[in-house]
Protein backbone atom coordinates (compact mmCIF):
# COMPACT_ATOMS: atom_id res chain seq x y z
CA UNK A 1 48.95 107.27 106.46
CA UNK A 2 49.65 110.20 103.99
CA UNK A 3 52.89 111.64 105.34
CA UNK A 4 50.69 115.11 104.74
CA UNK A 5 48.22 115.96 107.44
CA UNK A 6 44.84 115.88 106.71
CA UNK A 7 44.31 119.64 108.18
CA UNK A 8 46.76 120.51 105.88
CA UNK A 9 45.55 118.78 102.93
CA UNK A 10 41.91 120.04 103.73
CA UNK A 11 43.64 123.74 103.95
CA UNK A 12 41.42 125.62 101.84
CA UNK A 13 42.68 128.34 99.00
CA UNK A 14 39.75 130.80 98.46
CA UNK A 15 37.99 132.57 101.13
CA UNK A 16 34.92 131.38 99.92
CA UNK A 17 35.84 127.71 101.32
CA UNK A 18 36.74 128.89 104.45
CA UNK A 19 34.59 127.05 107.69
CA UNK A 20 33.66 129.64 110.25
CA UNK A 21 34.73 133.54 110.65
CA UNK A 22 31.54 134.67 108.26
CA UNK A 23 32.21 138.11 109.59
CA UNK A 24 35.68 137.97 107.59
CA UNK A 25 34.50 136.18 104.74
CA UNK A 26 31.02 137.35 103.84
CA UNK A 27 31.28 139.39 100.46
CA UNK A 28 30.23 142.67 102.59
CA UNK A 29 33.26 142.35 105.09
CA UNK A 30 36.66 144.60 104.98
CA UNK A 31 38.51 141.85 104.44
CA UNK A 32 36.82 140.15 101.69
CA UNK A 33 36.70 143.52 99.75
CA UNK A 34 40.50 143.83 100.58
CA UNK A 35 41.56 140.50 98.96
CA UNK A 36 39.51 140.82 95.78
CA UNK A 37 40.78 144.44 95.49
CA UNK A 38 44.24 143.31 95.85
CA UNK A 39 45.03 145.99 98.70
CA UNK A 40 45.32 144.08 101.41
CA UNK A 41 46.93 146.11 104.65
CA UNK A 42 49.30 144.94 107.11
CA UNK A 43 46.88 142.84 109.45
CA UNK A 44 47.12 141.22 112.75
CA UNK A 45 44.67 138.06 113.02
CA UNK A 46 44.17 137.23 116.99
CA UNK A 47 41.78 134.27 117.79
CA UNK A 48 42.16 130.70 119.35
CA UNK A 49 44.32 127.75 118.04
CA UNK A 50 42.79 126.09 114.92
CA UNK A 51 40.53 128.70 114.02
CA UNK A 52 41.77 129.71 110.63
CA UNK A 53 44.79 132.36 111.49
CA UNK A 54 47.54 130.31 108.81
CA UNK A 55 44.73 129.63 106.45
CA UNK A 56 43.55 132.95 106.00
CA UNK A 57 46.98 134.00 105.45
CA UNK A 58 47.40 131.65 102.72
CA UNK A 59 44.57 132.49 101.38
CA UNK A 60 45.41 136.34 101.00
CA UNK A 61 48.82 135.26 99.48
CA UNK A 62 47.32 133.02 97.00
CA UNK A 63 44.32 135.25 95.98
CA UNK A 64 46.67 138.54 95.30
CA UNK A 65 49.24 136.05 93.86
CA UNK A 66 52.10 137.83 96.05
CA UNK A 67 55.25 136.42 97.30
CA UNK A 68 54.73 134.85 100.65
CA UNK A 69 57.24 134.16 102.86
CA UNK A 70 56.53 132.06 106.70
CA UNK A 71 58.45 132.86 109.88
CA UNK A 72 57.83 131.42 113.07
CA UNK A 73 58.26 133.85 116.12
CA UNK A 74 59.76 130.50 118.23
CA UNK A 75 62.40 129.68 115.90
CA UNK A 76 63.03 133.19 113.63
CA UNK A 77 65.01 135.98 115.41
CA UNK A 78 65.81 139.58 113.87
CA UNK A 79 68.43 137.79 111.14
CA UNK A 80 65.87 135.88 109.37
CA UNK A 81 63.42 139.12 109.36
CA UNK A 82 65.76 140.96 107.50
CA UNK A 83 66.52 138.48 104.92
CA UNK A 84 63.24 138.63 104.11
CA UNK A 85 63.08 142.49 103.88
CA UNK A 86 65.92 142.18 101.78
CA UNK A 87 64.55 140.06 99.37
CA UNK A 88 61.06 142.13 99.54
CA UNK A 89 63.17 145.11 98.07
CA UNK A 90 63.27 143.37 94.65
CA UNK A 91 59.62 141.67 94.47
CA UNK A 92 56.09 143.52 94.68
CA UNK A 93 53.89 142.93 97.34
CA UNK A 94 55.32 140.66 99.68
CA UNK A 95 53.46 139.01 102.26
CA UNK A 96 55.48 138.08 105.29
CA UNK A 97 53.46 135.83 107.61
CA UNK A 98 55.10 135.59 111.42
CA UNK A 99 53.03 132.65 113.19
CA UNK A 100 52.85 133.53 117.12
CA UNK A 101 54.01 137.06 116.48
CA UNK A 102 53.57 137.55 120.36
CA UNK A 103 56.61 135.55 121.08
CA UNK A 104 58.72 138.62 119.56
CA UNK A 105 60.53 140.56 121.43
CA UNK A 106 60.37 144.52 121.16
CA UNK A 107 63.91 144.48 119.17
CA UNK A 108 62.17 141.55 116.85
CA UNK A 109 59.25 144.00 116.24
CA UNK A 110 61.17 146.99 116.05
CA UNK A 111 62.79 145.08 113.14
CA UNK A 112 59.65 145.04 111.05
CA UNK A 113 58.60 148.60 111.39
CA UNK A 114 60.27 150.94 108.63
CA UNK A 115 59.67 147.89 106.10
CA UNK A 116 55.79 148.02 107.34
CA UNK A 117 55.15 151.54 107.18
CA UNK A 118 57.36 152.00 103.77
CA UNK A 119 54.99 149.15 101.96
CA UNK A 120 58.08 146.96 101.58
CA UNK A 121 56.33 144.32 102.86
CA UNK A 122 52.60 143.42 104.18
CA UNK A 123 52.88 141.24 107.26
CA UNK A 124 50.10 139.16 108.20
CA UNK A 125 50.88 138.06 112.43
CA UNK A 126 48.91 135.30 113.87
CA UNK A 127 48.65 135.33 117.75
CA UNK A 128 46.73 133.86 120.16
CA UNK A 129 47.22 136.71 122.82
CA UNK A 130 45.95 140.20 123.06
CA UNK A 131 47.63 142.32 120.21
CA UNK A 132 47.34 145.08 122.53
CA UNK A 133 49.05 143.56 125.30
CA UNK A 134 51.79 141.59 123.13
CA UNK A 135 52.68 143.91 120.07
CA UNK A 136 54.33 146.92 120.39
CA UNK A 137 52.09 150.25 119.96
CA UNK A 138 54.14 151.31 116.92
CA UNK A 139 53.71 148.13 115.05
CA UNK A 140 50.08 147.80 116.22
CA UNK A 141 49.19 151.04 115.05
CA UNK A 142 50.52 149.99 111.34
CA UNK A 143 48.10 147.05 111.32
CA UNK A 144 44.68 146.29 111.02
CA UNK A 145 43.13 143.96 113.97
CA UNK A 146 41.09 141.11 113.11
CA UNK A 147 39.31 138.91 115.70
CA UNK A 148 38.84 135.50 114.86
CA UNK A 149 35.93 133.30 116.73
CA UNK A 150 35.86 129.67 118.13
CA UNK A 151 34.71 127.42 116.16
CA UNK A 152 31.11 126.05 117.47
CA UNK A 153 29.85 122.79 116.82
CA UNK A 154 28.19 123.16 113.44
CA UNK A 155 31.52 124.73 111.65
CA UNK A 156 33.62 121.59 113.12
CA UNK A 157 31.00 118.77 112.25
CA UNK A 158 31.09 120.98 108.73
CA UNK A 159 35.19 120.35 108.91
CA UNK A 160 34.71 116.74 109.28
CA UNK A 161 32.06 116.06 106.17
CA UNK A 162 33.71 118.28 103.94
CA UNK A 163 37.20 115.84 104.40
CA UNK A 164 35.22 112.78 104.43
CA UNK A 165 33.29 113.75 101.11
CA UNK A 166 36.68 116.11 99.55
CA UNK A 167 39.84 114.51 100.54
CA UNK A 168 41.24 112.12 98.26
CA UNK A 169 42.41 109.33 100.57
CA UNK A 170 39.31 109.57 102.96
CA UNK A 171 37.22 109.14 99.78
CA UNK A 172 38.21 105.90 99.42
CA UNK A 173 37.16 104.58 102.68
CA UNK A 174 33.50 103.88 103.62
CA UNK A 175 33.19 105.96 106.70
CA UNK A 176 30.44 105.93 108.92
CA UNK A 177 30.24 108.63 111.29
CA UNK A 178 27.78 107.38 114.44
CA UNK A 179 29.02 110.10 117.35
CA UNK A 180 31.06 113.03 117.05
CA UNK A 181 31.10 114.04 120.72
CA UNK A 182 34.33 112.63 121.03
CA UNK A 183 36.19 114.25 118.64
CA UNK A 184 34.65 117.52 119.27
CA UNK A 185 35.80 117.31 122.73
CA UNK A 186 39.11 115.98 122.09
CA UNK A 187 40.19 118.26 119.73
CA UNK A 188 38.56 121.25 122.02
CA UNK A 189 37.43 123.55 119.40
CA UNK A 190 40.86 123.44 117.41
CA UNK A 191 39.80 122.56 113.52
CA UNK A 192 43.63 121.35 113.06
CA UNK A 193 43.31 118.83 115.97
CA UNK A 194 40.03 117.96 114.89
CA UNK A 195 40.90 117.18 111.36
CA UNK A 196 44.33 115.33 112.13
CA UNK A 197 42.64 113.09 115.21
CA UNK A 198 39.83 112.39 112.73
CA UNK A 199 42.80 110.70 110.59
CA UNK A 200 44.13 109.23 113.42
CA UNK A 201 41.00 107.41 114.24
CA UNK A 202 40.26 106.50 110.71
CA UNK A 203 43.90 104.86 110.32
CA UNK A 204 43.84 103.46 113.60
CA UNK A 205 40.59 101.33 112.79
CA UNK A 206 42.05 100.04 109.73
CA UNK A 207 38.61 98.54 108.78
CA UNK A 208 36.13 99.10 105.91
CA UNK A 209 33.50 100.29 106.49
CA UNK A 210 34.96 102.43 109.41
CA UNK A 211 32.46 102.96 112.07
CA UNK A 212 33.28 105.97 114.27
CA UNK A 213 32.03 105.88 117.89
CA UNK A 214 32.73 107.89 120.88
CA UNK A 215 34.20 104.76 122.80
CA UNK A 216 36.51 104.07 119.80
CA UNK A 217 37.61 107.66 119.25
CA UNK A 218 38.62 107.66 122.91
CA UNK A 219 40.54 104.41 123.31
CA UNK A 220 42.73 105.48 119.74
CA UNK A 221 43.06 109.05 121.36
CA UNK A 222 44.84 107.87 124.34
CA UNK A 223 46.86 105.29 122.79
CA UNK A 224 47.80 107.98 120.07
CA UNK A 225 48.03 110.98 122.39
CA UNK A 226 51.36 112.03 121.19
CA UNK A 227 50.48 112.01 117.37
CA UNK A 228 47.70 114.27 117.70
CA UNK A 229 48.88 116.70 120.47
CA UNK A 230 52.77 116.59 119.01
CA UNK A 231 52.15 120.46 118.12
CA UNK A 232 52.37 121.16 121.79
CA UNK A 233 48.98 122.43 122.01
CA UNK A 234 47.95 121.21 125.76
CA UNK A 235 48.92 124.52 126.43
CA UNK A 236 45.18 126.14 126.99
CA UNK A 237 44.09 122.72 128.45
CA UNK A 238 47.03 123.33 131.11
CA UNK A 239 46.00 126.62 131.82
CA UNK A 240 42.42 125.77 132.08
CA UNK A 241 43.77 123.51 134.75
CA UNK A 242 45.75 125.77 136.29
CA UNK A 243 43.00 128.42 136.66
CA UNK A 244 40.62 126.37 138.11
CA UNK A 245 42.95 124.95 140.54
CA UNK A 246 43.60 128.74 141.96
CA UNK A 247 39.64 129.24 141.93
CA UNK A 248 39.17 125.81 143.67
CA UNK A 249 41.33 126.67 146.26
CA UNK A 250 44.05 123.80 146.02
CA UNK A 251 47.60 125.42 146.17
CA UNK A 252 49.11 121.59 145.41
CA UNK A 253 46.98 121.46 142.02
CA UNK A 254 48.10 125.03 141.10
CA UNK A 255 51.61 124.82 141.76
CA UNK A 256 51.23 121.70 140.11
CA UNK A 257 49.83 123.50 136.82
CA UNK A 258 51.95 126.18 137.51
CA UNK A 259 55.15 123.74 137.37
CA UNK A 260 54.13 121.68 134.29
CA UNK A 261 54.16 125.43 132.71
CA UNK A 262 57.13 126.49 133.51
CA UNK A 263 58.72 123.09 132.18
CA UNK A 264 57.25 123.60 129.37
CA UNK A 265 58.81 127.19 128.65
CA UNK A 266 55.48 128.82 128.70
CA UNK A 267 56.10 132.74 128.34
CA UNK A 268 56.57 134.38 131.99
CA UNK A 269 53.99 137.09 131.26
CA UNK A 270 51.09 135.24 130.29
CA UNK A 271 51.02 133.09 133.40
CA UNK A 272 51.29 136.38 135.26
CA UNK A 273 48.67 138.09 133.24
CA UNK A 274 45.88 135.38 133.66
CA UNK A 275 46.84 135.90 137.81
CA UNK A 276 46.39 139.43 137.67
CA UNK A 277 42.58 138.82 135.83
CA UNK A 278 42.09 135.77 138.39
CA UNK A 279 42.90 137.88 141.30
CA UNK A 280 39.68 140.10 140.73
CA UNK A 281 37.50 137.61 138.81
CA UNK A 282 37.52 134.87 141.48
CA UNK A 283 38.78 136.73 144.61
CA UNK A 284 37.78 140.35 144.17
CA UNK A 285 36.97 142.26 147.48
CA UNK A 286 36.91 138.98 149.17
CA UNK A 287 41.14 140.26 149.58
CA UNK A 288 41.79 142.99 147.87
CA UNK A 289 45.55 141.93 148.29
CA UNK A 290 45.29 139.85 145.86
CA UNK A 291 45.41 142.24 143.32
CA UNK A 292 47.78 144.10 144.30
CA UNK A 293 50.02 140.85 144.87
CA UNK A 294 49.21 139.72 141.25
CA UNK A 295 49.90 142.90 139.97
CA UNK A 296 53.59 143.29 141.51
CA UNK A 297 54.09 139.77 140.15
CA UNK A 298 53.17 140.87 137.09
CA UNK A 299 55.78 143.77 137.01
CA UNK A 300 58.57 141.37 138.87
CA UNK A 301 58.65 138.70 136.37
CA UNK A 302 59.12 140.64 133.49
CA UNK A 303 61.91 142.33 135.21
CA UNK A 304 63.54 139.19 136.37
CA UNK A 305 62.52 136.53 133.70
CA UNK A 306 63.44 132.64 133.97
CA UNK A 307 64.62 130.82 136.09
CA UNK A 308 64.11 133.09 139.22
CA UNK A 309 60.74 134.22 138.02
CA UNK A 310 59.36 130.49 139.18
CA UNK A 311 59.58 132.00 142.66
CA UNK A 312 57.67 134.84 142.49
CA UNK A 313 55.06 132.84 140.66
CA UNK A 314 55.01 130.11 143.23
CA UNK A 315 54.64 132.42 146.05
CA UNK A 316 51.83 134.53 144.14
CA UNK A 317 49.69 131.40 143.07
CA UNK A 318 49.96 129.57 146.38
CA UNK A 319 48.87 132.97 148.14
CA UNK A 320 45.98 133.10 145.24
CA UNK A 321 44.93 129.66 145.82
CA UNK A 322 45.04 129.84 149.68
CA UNK A 323 42.77 133.17 149.74
CA UNK A 324 39.10 133.47 150.29
CA UNK A 325 37.00 133.64 146.93
CA UNK A 326 34.39 135.95 145.55
CA UNK A 327 33.41 136.55 142.28
CA UNK A 328 30.69 139.06 143.03
CA UNK A 329 32.55 141.90 141.04
CA UNK A 330 32.93 139.85 138.46
CA UNK A 331 29.20 139.31 138.36
CA UNK A 332 28.05 142.96 139.08
CA UNK A 333 30.03 144.11 136.04
CA UNK A 334 28.51 141.40 133.50
CA UNK A 335 25.00 142.25 135.03
CA UNK A 336 25.75 145.66 134.44
CA UNK A 337 26.75 145.57 130.97
CA UNK A 338 23.69 143.12 130.31
CA UNK A 339 21.57 146.08 131.35
CA UNK A 340 23.57 148.59 128.78
CA UNK A 341 23.17 146.46 126.42
CA UNK A 342 19.25 145.63 126.84
CA UNK A 343 18.02 149.46 128.10
CA UNK A 344 20.58 151.30 125.71
CA UNK A 345 21.69 154.94 127.06
CA UNK A 346 19.70 155.91 129.63
CA UNK A 347 19.98 159.86 130.25
CA UNK A 348 21.68 160.91 133.20
CA UNK A 349 19.66 162.32 135.73
CA UNK A 350 19.74 165.99 136.18
CA UNK A 351 20.84 166.43 139.27
CA UNK A 352 24.18 164.19 138.56
CA UNK A 353 24.96 166.10 135.52
CA UNK A 354 27.92 168.34 135.10
CA UNK A 355 26.98 172.45 134.93
CA UNK A 356 29.96 174.40 133.73
CA UNK A 357 27.58 176.98 131.68
CA UNK A 358 25.03 179.06 132.99
CA UNK A 359 22.41 177.51 130.26
CA UNK A 360 23.26 174.55 131.87
CA UNK A 361 22.44 175.72 135.24
CA UNK A 362 19.28 177.36 134.09
CA UNK A 363 18.36 174.01 132.60
CA UNK A 364 18.52 172.59 136.85
CA UNK A 365 21.79 170.47 135.63
CA UNK A 366 22.99 169.90 139.00
CA UNK A 367 20.19 171.23 140.83
CA UNK A 368 19.07 169.30 144.30
CA UNK A 369 22.67 167.15 144.05
CA UNK A 370 23.54 166.52 147.63
CA UNK A 371 27.61 166.50 148.16
CA UNK A 372 28.31 163.79 150.23
CA UNK A 373 31.15 165.33 152.41
CA UNK A 374 28.78 168.07 153.67
CA UNK A 375 26.83 165.18 155.38
CA UNK A 376 26.98 163.07 158.79
CA UNK A 377 29.17 160.24 158.01
CA UNK A 378 30.10 161.43 154.12
CA UNK A 379 27.07 160.01 152.99
CA UNK A 380 23.44 161.32 152.19
CA UNK A 381 20.80 158.83 150.41
CA UNK A 382 19.82 160.12 147.20
CA UNK A 383 19.01 158.03 143.70
CA UNK A 384 22.26 157.45 141.33
CA UNK A 385 20.71 155.74 138.93
CA UNK A 386 18.71 156.58 135.54
CA UNK A 387 14.64 156.84 136.97
CA UNK A 388 14.17 153.89 134.79
CA UNK A 389 16.40 151.50 136.74
CA UNK A 390 16.07 153.19 139.88
CA UNK A 391 16.60 151.15 143.52
CA UNK A 392 18.56 148.55 141.32
CA UNK A 393 21.22 146.46 142.58
CA UNK A 394 23.83 145.00 140.60
CA UNK A 395 26.35 144.52 143.45
CA UNK A 396 25.73 141.79 145.79
CA UNK A 397 28.43 141.07 148.33
CA UNK A 398 30.03 137.66 148.84
CA UNK A 399 29.79 135.63 151.66
CA UNK A 400 33.62 136.25 153.38
CA UNK A 401 34.84 137.85 156.04
CA UNK A 402 35.49 141.34 154.31
CA UNK A 403 32.57 141.61 151.96
CA UNK A 404 30.53 141.05 155.07
CA UNK A 405 31.70 143.99 156.05
CA UNK A 406 31.21 145.77 153.13
CA UNK A 407 27.23 144.31 153.35
CA UNK A 408 26.91 145.51 156.43
CA UNK A 409 28.26 148.89 155.79
CA UNK A 410 25.79 148.58 152.76
CA UNK A 411 22.78 148.00 154.38
CA UNK A 412 23.40 150.43 157.01
CA UNK A 413 23.39 153.09 154.48
CA UNK A 414 21.23 152.07 152.03
CA UNK A 415 18.96 150.02 154.34
CA UNK A 416 15.85 148.91 152.53
CA UNK A 417 16.59 150.33 149.02
CA UNK A 418 19.70 148.20 148.57
CA UNK A 419 17.73 145.07 148.69
CA UNK A 420 19.36 143.19 152.01
């Protein structure tokens, strides 16, 4: 086996050779024009693992012929940042690539500010986390943010075919690719994992011709899992199992997957943030206290940190897993947004419009609006949706004790119009 992994050997050096991310690589894109002009700003690349963040950073440095330094936020500190900045003072157009920049704390991110602002370095940060949450506002305001999309089946299969056709080592073998489902499934949309797994499977078969089937891939992957997953990117599989266990109301599984993440050194804020999202998406109005507890959990673990934060997380996780579930609020906003995209910007009914001027009043803005608190029970029936979609129901309460109370209230007020 070549000591350089297949994914590294196949890393493209030009934007035109990048598979996927056409919104960034096409000739009409901002990034493509910036690279070709040599006028690349500091930027943050945000997307799932293995979709091209590191590759794009290398392409930029290669295309603009700039001095290129790499730091990992996992193993680097302020001292390392300052060393690069000091070197950059004597070089022109230095590019500093920081992988997993979301793992830098505030002081580490602040150490970059002056150099980025003065143009001493061009920063390229890569993150799998939303930079709005994980990169401080001062640094974020000095960077362009580019979102990378997950790779689909077409892109992933193209990467396999490209590797088989172009890699010097693989071209020496006759490879018959009968099935790809197992390769795609086990790599989870991660292009780097996919190529390295492909190489492990080919070496594991060790025959010429080499026939690749789903069964063979699964068998070899189970034997060699430590090799192709040595970068520790079970991260996304475990968080998926964690969320699904809570959604499935299994506190035992949920706390087990929580322990796996804690023992693996997972960022405490990453875990807590997922709990806040889940509290609304999967529990919602079935138990409104879930969101309050999850939000308080997030604030608490930021203050406490490990090791005690594990207790707070455990309390929140077991509570959410044991809570009644409803995705009614989640479905409601999905439907509402789909409706907005389908219907466009429908006009606000006249009786609901604000009327701060005499002209607006003369145009009947606000006319015939009924102030709910002037009526018995603080309610009066009137239409609040645009005419084109009047009488529409978007929120359908779930079948649980609390939302059944909401359903009863809405039925009493809206009767036939609400659709019950």
